[in-house]
Amino acid sequence: MADILITQKRRIGTIYPQVTISERMHDELAMTDNPVDSGEVVTDHSYKLPAELTMRCGWSESGSLFNDIDSLQIASTPNEAYQNLLSLQKSRLPFTVTTPRRQYSNMLIRSLDVTTDAATANVLMVEVVMREVIIVSTQQTTMAAAEDQASPQDTAATTNGGVKQATVVTDTSVLSKIGTGVESAFSAITGG
């Protein structure tokens, strides 16, 4: 009987549901609403959103038949299964989810929804909504000193230049001088 559980195709972290009623997988691509110039690389204007997975799972008292297999974290009671899910959510540590269709990495539990009524008083039926955390690697680099750069004004690190005061710029262009001359001539002719 242990072989049935070891080959089970569904797993939330190290928690194995006794029954899975449904799985809803959601993958979405965000893309620009702005026009993309002909010849542009379209992938520069779109990115993949985190994957989401919603599972409706169930546990009953019958899980106590498998209590000997502790390493699989098979809950012996519906309450224990619920506490395991709450603990996984509270830990905020990314985990792997395995389904028959796909394996999801770096998942967190966004929400747990449980409704208990007369029909489900002795079982746990829970909707587990999980979302991928996109993890990236960053690097820190050191720039060469300004005196070692060919164009430090373009490539050096930014520095605090202090407070700057605005200055009034007078227009000394040729058109400006012509405009002033035309105004003076017009004033002389009209007497104003």
Protein backbone atom coordinates (compact mmCIF):
# COMPACT_ATOMS: atom_id res chain seq x y z
CA MET A 1 0.00 0.00 0.00
CA ALA A 2 2.96 2.36 0.56
CA ASP A 3 3.81 2.12 -3.17
CA ILE A 4 0.52 3.79 -4.08
CA LEU A 5 1.45 6.89 -2.06
CA ILE A 6 5.11 7.03 -3.10
CA THR A 7 4.09 7.13 -6.78
CA GLN A 8 1.32 9.63 -6.12
CA LYS A 9 1.44 12.35 -8.75
CA ARG A 10 0.38 15.34 -6.62
CA ARG A 11 2.43 17.02 -3.94
CA ILE A 12 2.39 20.49 -2.30
CA GLY A 13 5.88 20.91 -0.90
CA THR A 14 6.15 17.77 1.22
CA ILE A 15 2.38 17.52 1.76
CA TYR A 16 0.51 14.83 -0.16
CA PRO A 17 -3.25 15.36 -0.61
CA GLN A 18 -5.34 12.23 -0.13
CA VAL A 19 -7.77 13.38 -2.83
CA THR A 20 -7.49 16.10 -5.46
CA ILE A 21 -10.84 17.28 -6.79
CA SER A 22 -9.53 19.82 -9.32
CA GLU A 23 -6.48 21.75 -10.46
CA ARG A 24 -6.58 25.07 -12.26
CA MET A 25 -3.32 26.15 -13.87
CA HIS A 26 -2.94 29.76 -15.01
CA ASP A 27 -0.07 31.14 -17.11
CA GLU A 28 -0.21 34.66 -18.49
CA LEU A 29 2.00 36.94 -20.56
CA ALA A 30 2.01 40.70 -19.94
CA MET A 31 2.57 42.75 -23.06
CA THR A 32 2.62 46.37 -24.03
CA ASP A 33 -0.54 48.13 -25.20
CA ASN A 34 1.62 50.59 -27.14
CA PRO A 35 2.36 50.00 -30.82
CA VAL A 36 5.60 48.14 -31.53
CA ASP A 37 7.71 49.51 -34.36
CA SER A 38 8.10 47.21 -37.34
CA GLY A 39 11.39 45.36 -37.04
CA GLU A 40 11.53 45.70 -33.22
CA VAL A 41 12.09 42.59 -31.13
CA VAL A 42 8.62 41.86 -29.71
CA THR A 43 10.06 39.95 -26.76
CA ASP A 44 11.44 43.28 -25.49
CA HIS A 45 7.84 44.45 -25.04
CA SER A 46 6.43 41.49 -23.12
CA TYR A 47 7.22 39.35 -20.08
CA LYS A 48 5.82 36.26 -18.38
CA LEU A 49 3.83 36.78 -15.22
CA PRO A 50 4.27 34.37 -12.28
CA ALA A 51 2.50 31.03 -12.75
CA GLU A 52 -0.56 30.39 -10.59
CA LEU A 53 -2.02 27.07 -9.51
CA THR A 54 -5.27 26.44 -7.65
CA MET A 55 -5.86 22.97 -6.21
CA ARG A 56 -9.00 21.70 -4.46
CA CYS A 57 -7.83 18.92 -2.16
CA GLY A 58 -9.36 16.71 0.49
CA TRP A 59 -8.35 14.74 3.56
CA SER A 60 -10.40 12.40 5.73
CA GLU A 61 -9.86 10.26 8.79
CA SER A 62 -8.96 7.36 6.50
CA GLY A 63 -5.48 8.86 6.18
CA SER A 64 -4.62 7.26 9.51
CA LEU A 65 -4.01 3.99 7.62
CA PHE A 66 -0.73 5.47 6.35
CA ASN A 67 0.69 6.94 9.56
CA ASP A 68 3.80 4.75 9.32
CA ILE A 69 5.17 6.77 6.39
CA ASP A 70 6.12 9.94 8.32
CA SER A 71 8.65 11.20 5.77
CA LEU A 72 5.84 11.90 3.29
CA GLN A 73 3.95 14.07 5.80
CA ILE A 74 0.72 12.19 5.24
CA ALA A 75 -1.66 13.81 7.69
CA SER A 76 -3.44 11.40 10.02
CA THR A 77 -6.42 13.72 10.49
CA PRO A 78 -8.05 16.53 8.48
CA ASN A 79 -7.03 18.98 11.24
CA GLU A 80 -3.40 17.90 10.99
CA ALA A 81 -3.48 18.36 7.20
CA TYR A 82 -4.90 21.87 7.65
CA GLN A 83 -2.22 22.75 10.23
CA ASN A 84 0.49 21.48 7.84
CA LEU A 85 -0.84 23.74 5.07
CA LEU A 86 -1.06 26.73 7.44
CA SER A 87 2.52 26.12 8.57
CA LEU A 88 3.75 25.93 4.98
CA GLN A 89 1.98 29.20 4.17
CA LYS A 90 3.28 30.92 7.29
CA SER A 91 6.89 29.86 6.60
CA ARG A 92 6.92 31.94 3.37
CA LEU A 93 9.65 29.62 2.06
CA PRO A 94 9.36 28.72 -1.65
CA PHE A 95 8.49 25.08 -2.32
CA THR A 96 7.86 22.76 -5.27
CA VAL A 97 4.41 21.58 -6.37
CA THR A 98 4.08 18.44 -8.45
CA THR A 99 1.03 17.67 -10.58
CA PRO A 100 0.59 15.06 -13.33
CA ARG A 101 0.93 17.82 -15.94
CA ARG A 102 3.79 19.88 -14.60
CA GLN A 103 6.21 20.61 -11.78
CA TYR A 104 6.17 24.15 -10.33
CA SER A 105 9.21 25.59 -8.55
CA ASN A 106 9.44 28.53 -6.13
CA MET A 107 5.78 28.52 -5.15
CA LEU A 108 4.12 30.17 -2.14
CA ILE A 109 0.61 29.67 -0.79
CA ARG A 110 -1.34 32.83 -1.51
CA SER A 111 -4.57 31.66 0.13
CA LEU A 112 -6.26 28.71 1.79
CA ASP A 113 -10.06 28.55 1.58
CA VAL A 114 -11.92 26.07 3.75
CA THR A 115 -15.68 25.74 4.15
CA THR A 116 -17.08 23.40 6.76
CA ASP A 117 -20.74 22.41 6.63
CA ALA A 118 -22.85 19.41 7.64
CA ALA A 119 -21.52 17.34 4.71
CA THR A 120 -17.84 18.16 5.38
CA ALA A 121 -17.74 18.26 9.18
CA ASN A 122 -15.45 15.20 9.38
CA VAL A 123 -13.27 15.88 6.35
CA LEU A 124 -11.09 18.72 5.13
CA MET A 125 -11.89 20.20 1.73
CA VAL A 126 -9.49 23.05 1.01
CA GLU A 127 -8.82 25.26 -1.98
CA VAL A 128 -5.10 26.07 -2.08
CA VAL A 129 -4.13 29.03 -4.28
CA MET A 130 -0.39 29.12 -5.01
CA ARG A 131 1.72 31.57 -6.97
CA GLU A 132 5.26 31.42 -8.31
CA VAL A 133 7.93 33.75 -6.95
CA ILE A 134 10.23 34.80 -9.78
CA ILE A 135 13.75 34.59 -8.37
CA VAL A 136 16.61 36.30 -10.18
CA SER A 137 20.34 36.58 -9.64
CA THR A 138 21.95 39.99 -9.46
CA GLN A 139 25.58 41.02 -9.52
CA GLN A 140 27.41 43.97 -8.06
CA THR A 141 30.18 45.50 -10.10
CA THR A 142 32.79 48.13 -9.40
CA MET A 143 33.40 50.89 -11.92
CA ALA A 144 36.85 52.19 -12.78
CA ALA A 145 37.89 55.44 -11.13
CA ALA A 146 36.95 58.59 -13.09
CA GLU A 147 40.60 59.41 -13.79
CA ASP A 148 41.01 56.02 -15.49
CA GLN A 149 38.06 56.52 -17.86
CA ALA A 150 38.26 58.01 -21.34
CA SER A 151 34.96 59.92 -20.93
CA PRO A 152 34.19 60.14 -17.22
CA GLN A 153 31.42 62.67 -17.82
CA ASP A 154 29.55 59.91 -19.69
CA THR A 155 30.58 56.75 -17.84
CA ALA A 156 31.55 57.67 -14.27
CA ALA A 157 29.25 56.98 -11.34
CA THR A 158 26.82 59.73 -10.42
CA THR A 159 27.90 62.16 -7.73
CA ASN A 160 26.12 64.73 -5.64
CA GLY A 161 26.61 68.07 -7.38
CA GLY A 162 25.03 70.10 -4.57
CA VAL A 163 22.24 72.66 -4.86
CA LYS A 164 21.96 74.43 -8.20
CA GLN A 165 20.47 77.89 -8.75
CA ALA A 166 18.45 78.70 -11.86
CA THR A 167 19.82 81.46 -14.07
CA VAL A 168 17.96 83.76 -16.44
CA VAL A 169 19.02 83.34 -20.05
CA THR A 170 18.73 86.39 -22.31
CA ASP A 171 17.91 85.78 -25.92
CA THR A 172 20.68 87.21 -28.10
CA SER A 173 19.85 85.41 -31.32
CA VAL A 174 19.69 87.21 -34.67
CA LEU A 175 15.94 86.67 -34.89
CA SER A 176 15.50 88.19 -31.46
CA LYS A 177 17.43 91.32 -32.53
CA ILE A 178 15.40 91.60 -35.75
CA GLY A 179 12.19 91.25 -33.74
CA THR A 180 13.28 94.05 -31.37
CA GLY A 181 14.18 96.27 -34.34
CA VAL A 182 10.80 95.64 -36.02
CA GLU A 183 9.00 96.47 -32.76
CA SER A 184 10.91 99.75 -32.44
CA ALA A 185 10.17 100.72 -36.04
CA PHE A 186 6.49 99.86 -35.64
CA SER A 187 6.30 101.97 -32.45
CA ALA A 188 7.91 104.92 -34.22
CA ILE A 189 5.49 104.75 -37.14
CA THR A 190 2.37 104.40 -35.02
CA GLY A 191 3.52 106.84 -32.44
CA GLY A 192 3.17 104.37 -29.68
